[in-house]
Amino acid sequence: MAPVENKDSVSLTCQSDSEDVTDLVWFINQSSPAGDRIVLSPDNRTLTIINVTREDQGPYECEIWNPVSRNRSEPFTLNITYPNYPLSISNVSLNDTGTYTCNASNSATGLSSSKDINVTISAE
């Protein structure tokens, strides 16, 4: 099961058959992962992402260097589950008729949006 956004943390470990590792570098989408939620172990072999978000999805790779070669791992795609927040009204009545507005915002990007929906309840 995929980790849940803003709830779970994920640790990825880079394994090598060689004991003679001079450097180890991580990549996500061909870039170095960075940020307050990214923690590397002292030997860089384990990358931990605290409270994953959907922006953390993507292919992760580690690259190991030794004195004679450089090898990059196969990409590992991290998938994140993020909850949907649908409105549900139980025991609906005529008083629930009206216009409902859904407001959504993303504090990371500063983007926001809203949508109105008209709900009409009919008596049977």
PDB file of N, CA and C in Angstrom:
ATOM      1  N   MET A   1       0.846  -1.184   0.000  1.00  0.00           N
ATOM      2  CA  MET A   1       0.000   0.000   0.000  1.00  0.00           C
ATOM      3  C   MET A   1       0.887   1.242   0.000  1.00  0.00           C
ATOM      4  N   ALA A   2       0.508   2.228  -0.763  1.00  0.00           N
ATOM      5  CA  ALA A   2       1.298   3.455  -0.879  1.00  0.00           C
ATOM      6  C   ALA A   2       1.189   4.293   0.388  1.00  0.00           C
ATOM      7  N   PRO A   3       2.250   5.019   0.725  1.00  0.00           N
ATOM      8  CA  PRO A   3       2.188   5.902   1.890  1.00  0.00           C
ATOM      9  C   PRO A   3       1.152   7.005   1.687  1.00  0.00           C
ATOM     10  N   VAL A   4       0.591   7.493   2.797  1.00  0.00           N
ATOM     11  CA  VAL A   4      -0.463   8.502   2.758  1.00  0.00           C
ATOM     12  C   VAL A   4       0.138   9.895   2.938  1.00  0.00           C
ATOM     13  N   GLU A   5      -0.316  10.826   2.103  1.00  0.00           N
ATOM     14  CA  GLU A   5       0.179  12.202   2.128  1.00  0.00           C
ATOM     15  C   GLU A   5      -0.024  12.845   3.494  1.00  0.00           C
ATOM     16  N   ASN A   6       1.003  13.582   3.941  1.00  0.00           N
ATOM     17  CA  ASN A   6       1.008  14.329   5.202  1.00  0.00           C
ATOM     18  C   ASN A   6       0.794  13.449   6.432  1.00  0.00           C
ATOM     19  N   LYS A   7       1.008  12.143   6.293  1.00  0.00           N
ATOM     20  CA  LYS A   7       0.826  11.236   7.414  1.00  0.00           C
ATOM     21  C   LYS A   7       2.017  10.300   7.591  1.00  0.00           C
ATOM     22  N   ASP A   8       2.450   9.685   6.492  1.00  0.00           N
ATOM     23  CA  ASP A   8       3.493   8.664   6.558  1.00  0.00           C
ATOM     24  C   ASP A   8       4.861   9.213   6.176  1.00  0.00           C
ATOM     25  N   SER A   9       5.888   8.538   6.686  1.00  0.00           N
ATOM     26  CA  SER A   9       7.264   8.809   6.294  1.00  0.00           C
ATOM     27  C   SER A   9       7.781   7.593   5.534  1.00  0.00           C
ATOM     28  N   VAL A  10       8.755   7.814   4.656  1.00  0.00           N
ATOM     29  CA  VAL A  10       9.291   6.753   3.811  1.00  0.00           C
ATOM     30  C   VAL A  10      10.805   6.768   3.900  1.00  0.00           C
ATOM     31  N   SER A  11      11.397   5.575   3.986  1.00  0.00           N
ATOM     32  CA  SER A  11      12.856   5.448   3.954  1.00  0.00           C
ATOM     33  C   SER A  11      13.242   4.574   2.776  1.00  0.00           C
ATOM     34  N   LEU A  12      14.208   5.045   1.993  1.00  0.00           N
ATOM     35  CA  LEU A  12      14.754   4.297   0.861  1.00  0.00           C
ATOM     36  C   LEU A  12      16.220   4.020   1.160  1.00  0.00           C
ATOM     37  N   THR A  13      16.664   2.794   0.909  1.00  0.00           N
ATOM     38  CA  THR A  13      18.044   2.427   1.188  1.00  0.00           C
ATOM     39  C   THR A  13      18.726   1.984  -0.095  1.00  0.00           C
ATOM     40  N   CYS A  14      19.936   2.452  -0.294  1.00  0.00           N
ATOM     41  CA  CYS A  14      20.736   2.122  -1.461  1.00  0.00           C
ATOM     42  C   CYS A  14      21.734   1.029  -1.077  1.00  0.00           C
ATOM     43  N   GLN A  15      21.657  -0.105  -1.755  1.00  0.00           N
ATOM     44  CA  GLN A  15      22.535  -1.238  -1.470  1.00  0.00           C
ATOM     45  C   GLN A  15      23.620  -1.339  -2.536  1.00  0.00           C
ATOM     46  N   SER A  16      24.795  -1.820  -2.117  1.00  0.00           N
ATOM     47  CA  SER A  16      25.897  -2.009  -3.051  1.00  0.00           C
ATOM     48  C   SER A  16      26.664  -3.269  -2.696  1.00  0.00           C
ATOM     49  N   ASP A  17      27.088  -4.003  -3.726  1.00  0.00           N
ATOM     50  CA  ASP A  17      27.923  -5.183  -3.500  1.00  0.00           C
ATOM     51  C   ASP A  17      29.347  -4.788  -3.153  1.00  0.00           C
ATOM     52  N   SER A  18      29.736  -3.594  -3.552  1.00  0.00           N
ATOM     53  CA  SER A  18      31.104  -3.127  -3.313  1.00  0.00           C
ATOM     54  C   SER A  18      31.239  -2.509  -1.926  1.00  0.00           C
ATOM     55  N   GLU A  19      32.294  -2.854  -1.250  1.00  0.00           N
ATOM     56  CA  GLU A  19      32.592  -2.252   0.050  1.00  0.00           C
ATOM     57  C   GLU A  19      33.365  -0.949  -0.112  1.00  0.00           C
ATOM     58  N   ASP A  20      33.944  -0.756  -1.300  1.00  0.00           N
ATOM     59  CA  ASP A  20      34.820   0.389  -1.550  1.00  0.00           C
ATOM     60  C   ASP A  20      34.033   1.544  -2.186  1.00  0.00           C
ATOM     61  N   VAL A  21      33.080   2.102  -1.431  1.00  0.00           N
ATOM     62  CA  VAL A  21      32.254   3.200  -1.931  1.00  0.00           C
ATOM     63  C   VAL A  21      32.874   4.523  -1.486  1.00  0.00           C
ATOM     64  N   THR A  22      33.162   5.385  -2.461  1.00  0.00           N
ATOM     65  CA  THR A  22      33.742   6.683  -2.109  1.00  0.00           C
ATOM     66  C   THR A  22      32.684   7.767  -1.997  1.00  0.00           C
ATOM     67  N   ASP A  23      31.563   7.598  -2.719  1.00  0.00           N
ATOM     68  CA  ASP A  23      30.496   8.593  -2.661  1.00  0.00           C
ATOM     69  C   ASP A  23      29.184   7.938  -3.068  1.00  0.00           C
ATOM     70  N   LEU A  24      28.089   8.457  -2.534  1.00  0.00           N
ATOM     71  CA  LEU A  24      26.761   7.968  -2.858  1.00  0.00           C
ATOM     72  C   LEU A  24      25.846   9.182  -2.966  1.00  0.00           C
ATOM     73  N   VAL A  25      25.133   9.295  -4.092  1.00  0.00           N
ATOM     74  CA  VAL A  25      24.286  10.455  -4.363  1.00  0.00           C
ATOM     75  C   VAL A  25      22.888   9.966  -4.732  1.00  0.00           C
ATOM     76  N   TRP A  26      21.867  10.663  -4.226  1.00  0.00           N
ATOM     77  CA  TRP A  26      20.475  10.351  -4.534  1.00  0.00           C
ATOM     78  C   TRP A  26      19.934  11.334  -5.573  1.00  0.00           C
ATOM     79  N   PHE A  27      18.992  10.841  -6.400  1.00  0.00           N
ATOM     80  CA  PHE A  27      18.317  11.681  -7.389  1.00  0.00           C
ATOM     81  C   PHE A  27      16.819  11.392  -7.353  1.00  0.00           C
ATOM     82  N   ILE A  28      16.024  12.447  -7.540  1.00  0.00           N
ATOM     83  CA  ILE A  28      14.593  12.315  -7.807  1.00  0.00           C
ATOM     84  C   ILE A  28      14.319  13.147  -9.042  1.00  0.00           C
ATOM     85  N   ASN A  29      13.741  12.512 -10.058  1.00  0.00           N
ATOM     86  CA  ASN A  29      13.500  13.200 -11.333  1.00  0.00           C
ATOM     87  C   ASN A  29      14.759  13.896 -11.833  1.00  0.00           C
ATOM     88  N   GLN A  30      15.879  13.219 -11.737  1.00  0.00           N
ATOM     89  CA  GLN A  30      17.183  13.695 -12.217  1.00  0.00           C
ATOM     90  C   GLN A  30      17.761  14.866 -11.422  1.00  0.00           C
ATOM     91  N   SER A  31      17.160  15.224 -10.292  1.00  0.00           N
ATOM     92  CA  SER A  31      17.659  16.307  -9.442  1.00  0.00           C
ATOM     93  C   SER A  31      17.973  15.767  -8.052  1.00  0.00           C
ATOM     94  N   SER A  32      18.796  16.485  -7.315  1.00  0.00           N
ATOM     95  CA  SER A  32      19.105  16.094  -5.941  1.00  0.00           C
ATOM     96  C   SER A  32      17.934  16.443  -5.037  1.00  0.00           C
ATOM     97  N   PRO A  33      17.454  15.480  -4.237  1.00  0.00           N
ATOM     98  CA  PRO A  33      16.363  15.796  -3.310  1.00  0.00           C
ATOM     99  C   PRO A  33      16.859  16.733  -2.214  1.00  0.00           C
ATOM    100  N   ALA A  34      16.036  17.703  -1.872  1.00  0.00           N
ATOM    101  CA  ALA A  34      16.421  18.670  -0.842  1.00  0.00           C
ATOM    102  C   ALA A  34      15.175  19.168  -0.129  1.00  0.00           C
ATOM    103  N   GLY A  35      15.378  19.703   1.065  1.00  0.00           N
ATOM    104  CA  GLY A  35      14.266  20.269   1.820  1.00  0.00           C
ATOM    105  C   GLY A  35      14.327  19.844   3.265  1.00  0.00           C
ATOM    106  N   ASP A  36      13.503  20.486   4.074  1.00  0.00           N
ATOM    107  CA  ASP A  36      13.488  20.221   5.510  1.00  0.00           C
ATOM    108  C   ASP A  36      13.011  18.819   5.852  1.00  0.00           C
ATOM    109  N   ARG A  37      12.233  18.201   4.960  1.00  0.00           N
ATOM    110  CA  ARG A  37      11.672  16.881   5.252  1.00  0.00           C
ATOM    111  C   ARG A  37      12.567  15.744   4.764  1.00  0.00           C
ATOM    112  N   ILE A  38      13.673  16.065   4.100  1.00  0.00           N
ATOM    113  CA  ILE A  38      14.594  15.053   3.580  1.00  0.00           C
ATOM    114  C   ILE A  38      15.735  14.866   4.571  1.00  0.00           C
ATOM    115  N   VAL A  39      15.918  13.617   5.016  1.00  0.00           N
ATOM    116  CA  VAL A  39      16.983  13.312   5.973  1.00  0.00           C
ATOM    117  C   VAL A  39      17.831  12.184   5.392  1.00  0.00           C
ATOM    118  N   LEU A  40      19.144  12.390   5.364  1.00  0.00           N
ATOM    119  CA  LEU A  40      20.067  11.362   4.897  1.00  0.00           C
ATOM    120  C   LEU A  40      20.806  10.759   6.085  1.00  0.00           C
ATOM    121  N   SER A  41      21.044   9.467   6.033  1.00  0.00           N
ATOM    122  CA  SER A  41      21.843   8.814   7.072  1.00  0.00           C
ATOM    123  C   SER A  41      23.282   9.311   6.955  1.00  0.00           C
ATOM    124  N   PRO A  42      24.114   9.136   7.989  1.00  0.00           N
ATOM    125  CA  PRO A  42      25.496   9.625   7.937  1.00  0.00           C
ATOM    126  C   PRO A  42      26.291   9.114   6.734  1.00  0.00           C
ATOM    127  N   ASP A  43      26.005   7.887   6.276  1.00  0.00           N
ATOM    128  CA  ASP A  43      26.736   7.358   5.112  1.00  0.00           C
ATOM    129  C   ASP A  43      25.989   7.594   3.793  1.00  0.00           C
ATOM    130  N   ASN A  44      24.882   8.348   3.826  1.00  0.00           N
ATOM    131  CA  ASN A  44      24.047   8.692   2.664  1.00  0.00           C
ATOM    132  C   ASN A  44      23.304   7.498   2.072  1.00  0.00           C
ATOM    133  N   ARG A  45      23.429   6.310   2.646  1.00  0.00           N
ATOM    134  CA  ARG A  45      22.784   5.125   2.068  1.00  0.00           C
ATOM    135  C   ARG A  45      21.270   5.128   2.249  1.00  0.00           C
ATOM    136  N   THR A  46      20.768   5.760   3.301  1.00  0.00           N
ATOM    137  CA  THR A  46      19.325   5.779   3.556  1.00  0.00           C
ATOM    138  C   THR A  46      18.798   7.200   3.458  1.00  0.00           C
ATOM    139  N   LEU A  47      17.792   7.367   2.602  1.00  0.00           N
ATOM    140  CA  LEU A  47      17.127   8.654   2.421  1.00  0.00           C
ATOM    141  C   LEU A  47      15.745   8.523   3.043  1.00  0.00           C
ATOM    142  N   THR A  48      15.423   9.402   3.983  1.00  0.00           N
ATOM    143  CA  THR A  48      14.114   9.375   4.640  1.00  0.00           C
ATOM    144  C   THR A  48      13.362  10.655   4.290  1.00  0.00           C
ATOM    145  N   ILE A  49      12.103  10.481   3.903  1.00  0.00           N
ATOM    146  CA  ILE A  49      11.221  11.615   3.611  1.00  0.00           C
ATOM    147  C   ILE A  49      10.168  11.631   4.703  1.00  0.00           C
ATOM    148  N   ILE A  50      10.139  12.701   5.474  1.00  0.00           N
ATOM    149  CA  ILE A  50       9.204  12.818   6.594  1.00  0.00           C
ATOM    150  C   ILE A  50       7.907  13.455   6.104  1.00  0.00           C
ATOM    151  N   ASN A  51       6.783  12.852   6.474  1.00  0.00           N
ATOM    152  CA  ASN A  51       5.460  13.344   6.064  1.00  0.00           C
ATOM    153  C   ASN A  51       5.402  13.596   4.555  1.00  0.00           C
ATOM    154  N   VAL A  52       5.421  12.522   3.786  1.00  0.00           N
ATOM    155  CA  VAL A  52       5.441  12.622   2.332  1.00  0.00           C
ATOM    156  C   VAL A  52       4.276  13.449   1.803  1.00  0.00           C
ATOM    157  N   THR A  53       4.503  14.104   0.673  1.00  0.00           N
ATOM    158  CA  THR A  53       3.450  14.823  -0.039  1.00  0.00           C
ATOM    159  C   THR A  53       3.445  14.329  -1.481  1.00  0.00           C
ATOM    160  N   ARG A  54       2.427  14.693  -2.220  1.00  0.00           N
ATOM    161  CA  ARG A  54       2.347  14.231  -3.614  1.00  0.00           C
ATOM    162  C   ARG A  54       3.500  14.766  -4.459  1.00  0.00           C
ATOM    163  N   GLU A  55       4.125  15.862  -4.028  1.00  0.00           N
ATOM    164  CA  GLU A  55       5.290  16.385  -4.752  1.00  0.00           C
ATOM    165  C   GLU A  55       6.510  15.473  -4.603  1.00  0.00           C
ATOM    166  N   ASP A  56       6.466  14.546  -3.639  1.00  0.00           N
ATOM    167  CA  ASP A  56       7.570  13.600  -3.437  1.00  0.00           C
ATOM    168  C   ASP A  56       7.482  12.399  -4.368  1.00  0.00           C
ATOM    169  N   GLN A  57       6.399  12.293  -5.147  1.00  0.00           N
ATOM    170  CA  GLN A  57       6.266  11.178  -6.075  1.00  0.00           C
ATOM    171  C   GLN A  57       7.311  11.297  -7.162  1.00  0.00           C
ATOM    172  N   GLY A  58       7.672  10.162  -7.702  1.00  0.00           N
ATOM    173  CA  GLY A  58       8.592  10.195  -8.817  1.00  0.00           C
ATOM    174  C   GLY A  58       9.633   9.116  -8.733  1.00  0.00           C
ATOM    175  N   PRO A  59      10.442   9.026  -9.767  1.00  0.00           N
ATOM    176  CA  PRO A  59      11.490   8.017  -9.759  1.00  0.00           C
ATOM    177  C   PRO A  59      12.685   8.458  -8.907  1.00  0.00           C
ATOM    178  N   TYR A  60      13.077   7.596  -7.978  1.00  0.00           N
ATOM    179  CA  TYR A  60      14.254   7.818  -7.135  1.00  0.00           C
ATOM    180  C   TYR A  60      15.368   6.900  -7.615  1.00  0.00           C
ATOM    181  N   GLU A  61      16.577   7.422  -7.650  1.00  0.00           N
ATOM    182  CA  GLU A  61      17.746   6.632  -8.022  1.00  0.00           C
ATOM    183  C   GLU A  61      18.891   6.988  -7.087  1.00  0.00           C
ATOM    184  N   CYS A  62      19.759   6.015  -6.858  1.00  0.00           N
ATOM    185  CA  CYS A  62      20.985   6.327  -6.135  1.00  0.00           C
ATOM    186  C   CYS A  62      22.160   6.001  -7.049  1.00  0.00           C
ATOM    187  N   GLU A  63      23.195   6.786  -6.923  1.00  0.00           N
ATOM    188  CA  GLU A  63      24.405   6.589  -7.727  1.00  0.00           C
ATOM    189  C   GLU A  63      25.572   6.378  -6.779  1.00  0.00           C
ATOM    190  N   ILE A  64      26.290   5.282  -7.006  1.00  0.00           N
ATOM    191  CA  ILE A  64      27.423   4.925  -6.148  1.00  0.00           C
ATOM    192  C   ILE A  64      28.708   5.069  -6.949  1.00  0.00           C
ATOM    193  N   TRP A  65      29.652   5.762  -6.337  1.00  0.00           N
ATOM    194  CA  TRP A  65      30.961   5.941  -6.950  1.00  0.00           C
ATOM    195  C   TRP A  65      31.988   5.180  -6.127  1.00  0.00           C
ATOM    196  N   ASN A  66      32.930   4.564  -6.833  1.00  0.00           N
ATOM    197  CA  ASN A  66      34.102   4.001  -6.177  1.00  0.00           C
ATOM    198  C   ASN A  66      35.312   4.396  -7.028  1.00  0.00           C
ATOM    199  N   PRO A  67      36.520   4.056  -6.647  1.00  0.00           N
ATOM    200  CA  PRO A  67      37.693   4.537  -7.388  1.00  0.00           C
ATOM    201  C   PRO A  67      37.728   4.147  -8.868  1.00  0.00           C
ATOM    202  N   VAL A  68      37.024   3.084  -9.259  1.00  0.00           N
ATOM    203  CA  VAL A  68      37.118   2.647 -10.655  1.00  0.00           C
ATOM    204  C   VAL A  68      35.822   2.756 -11.456  1.00  0.00           C
ATOM    205  N   SER A  69      34.706   2.994 -10.807  1.00  0.00           N
ATOM    206  CA  SER A  69      33.452   3.037 -11.570  1.00  0.00           C
ATOM    207  C   SER A  69      32.396   3.891 -10.886  1.00  0.00           C
ATOM    208  N   ARG A  70      31.326   4.097 -11.655  1.00  0.00           N
ATOM    209  CA  ARG A  70      30.149   4.820 -11.157  1.00  0.00           C
ATOM    210  C   ARG A  70      28.924   4.036 -11.628  1.00  0.00           C
ATOM    211  N   ASN A  71      28.044   3.675 -10.719  1.00  0.00           N
ATOM    212  CA  ASN A  71      26.847   2.898 -11.068  1.00  0.00           C
ATOM    213  C   ASN A  71      25.602   3.564 -10.507  1.00  0.00           C
ATOM    214  N   ARG A  72      24.567   3.625 -11.346  1.00  0.00           N
ATOM    215  CA  ARG A  72      23.293   4.196 -10.918  1.00  0.00           C
ATOM    216  C   ARG A  72      22.252   3.093 -10.851  1.00  0.00           C
ATOM    217  N   SER A  73      21.426   3.145  -9.800  1.00  0.00           N
ATOM    218  CA  SER A  73      20.392   2.124  -9.613  1.00  0.00           C
ATOM    219  C   SER A  73      19.286   2.275 -10.649  1.00  0.00           C
ATOM    220  N   GLU A  74      18.476   1.237 -10.749  1.00  0.00           N
ATOM    221  CA  GLU A  74      17.252   1.323 -11.541  1.00  0.00           C
ATOM    222  C   GLU A  74      16.315   2.296 -10.826  1.00  0.00           C
ATOM    223  N   PRO A  75      15.498   3.052 -11.557  1.00  0.00           N
ATOM    224  CA  PRO A  75      14.574   3.988 -10.898  1.00  0.00           C
ATOM    225  C   PRO A  75      13.531   3.261 -10.057  1.00  0.00           C
ATOM    226  N   PHE A  76      13.255   3.813  -8.887  1.00  0.00           N
ATOM    227  CA  PHE A  76      12.175   3.336  -8.030  1.00  0.00           C
ATOM    228  C   PHE A  76      11.122   4.430  -7.991  1.00  0.00           C
ATOM    229  N   THR A  77       9.906   4.107  -8.416  1.00  0.00           N
ATOM    230  CA  THR A  77       8.835   5.101  -8.434  1.00  0.00           C
ATOM    231  C   THR A  77       8.066   5.050  -7.127  1.00  0.00           C
ATOM    232  N   LEU A  78       8.077   6.162  -6.421  1.00  0.00           N
ATOM    233  CA  LEU A  78       7.342   6.298  -5.175  1.00  0.00           C
ATOM    234  C   LEU A  78       5.970   6.871  -5.490  1.00  0.00           C
ATOM    235  N   ASN A  79       4.930   6.138  -5.113  1.00  0.00           N
ATOM    236  CA  ASN A  79       3.557   6.597  -5.302  1.00  0.00           C
ATOM    237  C   ASN A  79       2.976   6.996  -3.953  1.00  0.00           C
ATOM    238  N   ILE A  80       2.281   8.110  -3.911  1.00  0.00           N
ATOM    239  CA  ILE A  80       1.705   8.652  -2.685  1.00  0.00           C
ATOM    240  C   ILE A  80       0.183   8.604  -2.799  1.00  0.00           C
ATOM    241  N   THR A  81      -0.484   8.145  -1.741  1.00  0.00           N
ATOM    242  CA  THR A  81      -1.939   8.180  -1.677  1.00  0.00           C
ATOM    243  C   THR A  81      -2.349   9.480  -1.007  1.00  0.00           C
ATOM    244  N   TYR A  82      -3.234  10.207  -1.643  1.00  0.00           N
ATOM    245  CA  TYR A  82      -3.731  11.412  -0.999  1.00  0.00           C
ATOM    246  C   TYR A  82      -5.244  11.345  -0.917  1.00  0.00           C
ATOM    247  N   PRO A  83      -5.760  11.742   0.230  1.00  0.00           N
ATOM    248  CA  PRO A  83      -7.197  11.589   0.457  1.00  0.00           C
ATOM    249  C   PRO A  83      -8.022  12.584  -0.351  1.00  0.00           C
ATOM    250  N   ASN A  84      -9.203  12.134  -0.715  1.00  0.00           N
ATOM    251  CA  ASN A  84     -10.200  13.033  -1.290  1.00  0.00           C
ATOM    252  C   ASN A  84     -11.141  13.421  -0.160  1.00  0.00           C
ATOM    253  N   TYR A  85     -11.685  14.594  -0.222  1.00  0.00           N
ATOM    254  CA  TYR A  85     -12.556  15.068   0.844  1.00  0.00           C
ATOM    255  C   TYR A  85     -13.950  15.357   0.294  1.00  0.00           C
ATOM    256  N   PRO A  86     -14.735  14.293  -0.094  1.00  0.00           N
ATOM    257  CA  PRO A  86     -16.087  14.563  -0.627  1.00  0.00           C
ATOM    258  C   PRO A  86     -17.041  14.927   0.479  1.00  0.00           C
ATOM    259  N   LEU A  87     -18.024  15.770   0.173  1.00  0.00           N
ATOM    260  CA  LEU A  87     -19.061  16.133   1.139  1.00  0.00           C
ATOM    261  C   LEU A  87     -20.132  15.057   1.097  1.00  0.00           C
ATOM    262  N   SER A  88     -20.580  14.638   2.258  1.00  0.00           N
ATOM    263  CA  SER A  88     -21.686  13.704   2.306  1.00  0.00           C
ATOM    264  C   SER A  88     -22.669  14.191   3.344  1.00  0.00           C
ATOM    265  N   ILE A  89     -23.938  14.147   2.984  1.00  0.00           N
ATOM    266  CA  ILE A  89     -25.009  14.594   3.885  1.00  0.00           C
ATOM    267  C   ILE A  89     -25.869  13.382   4.199  1.00  0.00           C
ATOM    268  N   SER A  90     -25.899  13.017   5.472  1.00  0.00           N
ATOM    269  CA  SER A  90     -26.745  11.885   5.854  1.00  0.00           C
ATOM    270  C   SER A  90     -28.101  12.418   6.307  1.00  0.00           C
ATOM    271  N   ASN A  91     -29.110  11.581   6.194  1.00  0.00           N
ATOM    272  CA  ASN A  91     -30.481  11.969   6.554  1.00  0.00           C
ATOM    273  C   ASN A  91     -30.870  13.290   5.891  1.00  0.00           C
ATOM    274  N   VAL A  92     -30.700  13.344   4.593  1.00  0.00           N
ATOM    275  CA  VAL A  92     -30.968  14.566   3.833  1.00  0.00           C
ATOM    276  C   VAL A  92     -32.441  14.981   3.988  1.00  0.00           C
ATOM    277  N   SER A  93     -32.655  16.302   4.040  1.00  0.00           N
ATOM    278  CA  SER A  93     -34.022  16.828   4.149  1.00  0.00           C
ATOM    279  C   SER A  93     -34.179  18.007   3.200  1.00  0.00           C
ATOM    280  N   LEU A  94     -35.389  18.510   3.091  1.00  0.00           N
ATOM    281  CA  LEU A  94     -35.654  19.663   2.225  1.00  0.00           C
ATOM    282  C   LEU A  94     -34.818  20.874   2.637  1.00  0.00           C
ATOM    283  N   ASN A  95     -34.487  20.979   3.928  1.00  0.00           N
ATOM    284  CA  ASN A  95     -33.682  22.102   4.410  1.00  0.00           C
ATOM    285  C   ASN A  95     -32.251  22.093   3.868  1.00  0.00           C
ATOM    286  N   ASP A  96     -31.825  20.962   3.287  1.00  0.00           N
ATOM    287  CA  ASP A  96     -30.464  20.870   2.749  1.00  0.00           C
ATOM    288  C   ASP A  96     -30.360  21.421   1.332  1.00  0.00           C
ATOM    289  N   THR A  97     -31.487  21.832   0.740  1.00  0.00           N
ATOM    290  CA  THR A  97     -31.466  22.450  -0.583  1.00  0.00           C
ATOM    291  C   THR A  97     -30.713  23.773  -0.507  1.00  0.00           C
ATOM    292  N   GLY A  98     -29.876  24.032  -1.511  1.00  0.00           N
ATOM    293  CA  GLY A  98     -29.159  25.298  -1.528  1.00  0.00           C
ATOM    294  C   GLY A  98     -27.895  25.226  -2.353  1.00  0.00           C
ATOM    295  N   THR A  99     -27.109  26.269  -2.267  1.00  0.00           N
ATOM    296  CA  THR A  99     -25.837  26.341  -2.984  1.00  0.00           C
ATOM    297  C   THR A  99     -24.711  25.987  -2.026  1.00  0.00           C
ATOM    298  N   TYR A 100     -23.883  25.039  -2.432  1.00  0.00           N
ATOM    299  CA  TYR A 100     -22.726  24.629  -1.648  1.00  0.00           C
ATOM    300  C   TYR A 100     -21.471  25.063  -2.387  1.00  0.00           C
ATOM    301  N   THR A 101     -20.501  25.550  -1.639  1.00  0.00           N
ATOM    302  CA  THR A 101     -19.242  26.004  -2.226  1.00  0.00           C
ATOM    303  C   THR A 101     -18.093  25.169  -1.685  1.00  0.00           C
ATOM    304  N   CYS A 102     -17.276  24.668  -2.612  1.00  0.00           N
ATOM    305  CA  CYS A 102     -16.071  23.936  -2.229  1.00  0.00           C
ATOM    306  C   CYS A 102     -14.884  24.868  -2.456  1.00  0.00           C
ATOM    307  N   ASN A 103     -14.115  25.121  -1.400  1.00  0.00           N
ATOM    308  CA  ASN A 103     -12.903  25.934  -1.501  1.00  0.00           C
ATOM    309  C   ASN A 103     -11.698  25.023  -1.310  1.00  0.00           C
ATOM    310  N   ALA A 104     -10.754  25.108  -2.225  1.00  0.00           N
ATOM    311  CA  ALA A 104      -9.533  24.311  -2.128  1.00  0.00           C
ATOM    312  C   ALA A 104      -8.340  25.235  -2.239  1.00  0.00           C
ATOM    313  N   SER A 105      -7.323  24.984  -1.407  1.00  0.00           N
ATOM    314  CA  SER A 105      -6.109  25.799  -1.491  1.00  0.00           C
ATOM    315  C   SER A 105      -4.901  24.930  -1.213  1.00  0.00           C
ATOM    316  N   ASN A 106      -3.771  25.357  -1.747  1.00  0.00           N
ATOM    317  CA  ASN A 106      -2.516  24.653  -1.554  1.00  0.00           C
ATOM    318  C   ASN A 106      -1.537  25.638  -0.943  1.00  0.00           C
ATOM    319  N   SER A 107      -1.158  25.398   0.311  1.00  0.00           N
ATOM    320  CA  SER A 107      -0.273  26.335   0.992  1.00  0.00           C
ATOM    321  C   SER A 107       1.131  26.333   0.401  1.00  0.00           C
ATOM    322  N   ALA A 108       1.528  25.232  -0.239  1.00  0.00           N
ATOM    323  CA  ALA A 108       2.870  25.167  -0.828  1.00  0.00           C
ATOM    324  C   ALA A 108       2.977  26.036  -2.069  1.00  0.00           C
ATOM    325  N   THR A 109       1.941  26.039  -2.900  1.00  0.00           N
ATOM    326  CA  THR A 109       1.995  26.802  -4.145  1.00  0.00           C
ATOM    327  C   THR A 109       1.274  28.146  -4.053  1.00  0.00           C
ATOM    328  N   GLY A 110       0.416  28.303  -3.038  1.00  0.00           N
ATOM    329  CA  GLY A 110      -0.358  29.536  -2.915  1.00  0.00           C
ATOM    330  C   GLY A 110      -1.572  29.573  -3.829  1.00  0.00           C
ATOM    331  N   LEU A 111      -1.815  28.502  -4.580  1.00  0.00           N
ATOM    332  CA  LEU A 111      -2.951  28.466  -5.492  1.00  0.00           C
ATOM    333  C   LEU A 111      -4.223  28.098  -4.739  1.00  0.00           C
ATOM    334  N   SER A 112      -5.338  28.643  -5.198  1.00  0.00           N
ATOM    335  CA  SER A 112      -6.627  28.288  -4.599  1.00  0.00           C
ATOM    336  C   SER A 112      -7.696  28.329  -5.681  1.00  0.00           C
ATOM    337  N   SER A 113      -8.792  27.650  -5.398  1.00  0.00           N
ATOM    338  CA  SER A 113      -9.894  27.585  -6.343  1.00  0.00           C
ATOM    339  C   SER A 113     -11.173  27.323  -5.567  1.00  0.00           C
ATOM    340  N   SER A 114     -12.299  27.712  -6.146  1.00  0.00           N
ATOM    341  CA  SER A 114     -13.582  27.412  -5.521  1.00  0.00           C
ATOM    342  C   SER A 114     -14.587  27.051  -6.604  1.00  0.00           C
ATOM    343  N   LYS A 115     -15.574  26.273  -6.210  1.00  0.00           N
ATOM    344  CA  LYS A 115     -16.606  25.836  -7.142  1.00  0.00           C
ATOM    345  C   LYS A 115     -17.929  25.780  -6.400  1.00  0.00           C
ATOM    346  N   ASP A 116     -18.987  26.362  -6.995  1.00  0.00           N
ATOM    347  CA  ASP A 116     -20.333  26.308  -6.436  1.00  0.00           C
ATOM    348  C   ASP A 116     -21.105  25.171  -7.082  1.00  0.00           C
ATOM    349  N   ILE A 117     -21.977  24.555  -6.296  1.00  0.00           N
ATOM    350  CA  ILE A 117     -22.885  23.544  -6.824  1.00  0.00           C
ATOM    351  C   ILE A 117     -24.251  23.759  -6.176  1.00  0.00           C
ATOM    352  N   ASN A 118     -25.268  23.724  -7.007  1.00  0.00           N
ATOM    353  CA  ASN A 118     -26.632  23.872  -6.514  1.00  0.00           C
ATOM    354  C   ASN A 118     -27.233  22.503  -6.262  1.00  0.00           C
ATOM    355  N   VAL A 119     -27.742  22.300  -5.064  1.00  0.00           N
ATOM    356  CA  VAL A 119     -28.356  21.034  -4.684  1.00  0.00           C
ATOM    357  C   VAL A 119     -29.842  21.279  -4.415  1.00  0.00           C
ATOM    358  N   THR A 120     -30.659  20.486  -5.077  1.00  0.00           N
ATOM    359  CA  THR A 120     -32.105  20.588  -4.877  1.00  0.00           C
ATOM    360  C   THR A 120     -32.612  19.254  -4.346  1.00  0.00           C
ATOM    361  N   ILE A 121     -33.292  19.287  -3.225  1.00  0.00           N
ATOM    362  CA  ILE A 121     -33.876  18.098  -2.614  1.00  0.00           C
ATOM    363  C   ILE A 121     -35.373  18.115  -2.934  1.00  0.00           C
ATOM    364  N   SER A 122     -35.870  17.019  -3.453  1.00  0.00           N
ATOM    365  CA  SER A 122     -37.298  16.922  -3.786  1.00  0.00           C
ATOM    366  C   SER A 122     -37.976  15.963  -2.832  1.00  0.00           C
ATOM    367  N   ALA A 123     -39.189  16.292  -2.443  1.00  0.00           N
ATOM    368  CA  ALA A 123     -39.995  15.407  -1.604  1.00  0.00           C
ATOM    369  C   ALA A 123     -40.592  14.324  -2.487  1.00  0.00           C
ATOM    370  N   GLU A 124     -40.630  13.093  -1.982  1.00  0.00           N
ATOM    371  CA  GLU A 124     -41.228  12.005  -2.779  1.00  0.00           C
ATOM    372  C   GLU A 124     -42.650  11.756  -2.377  1.00  0.00           C
TER     373      GLU A 124
END
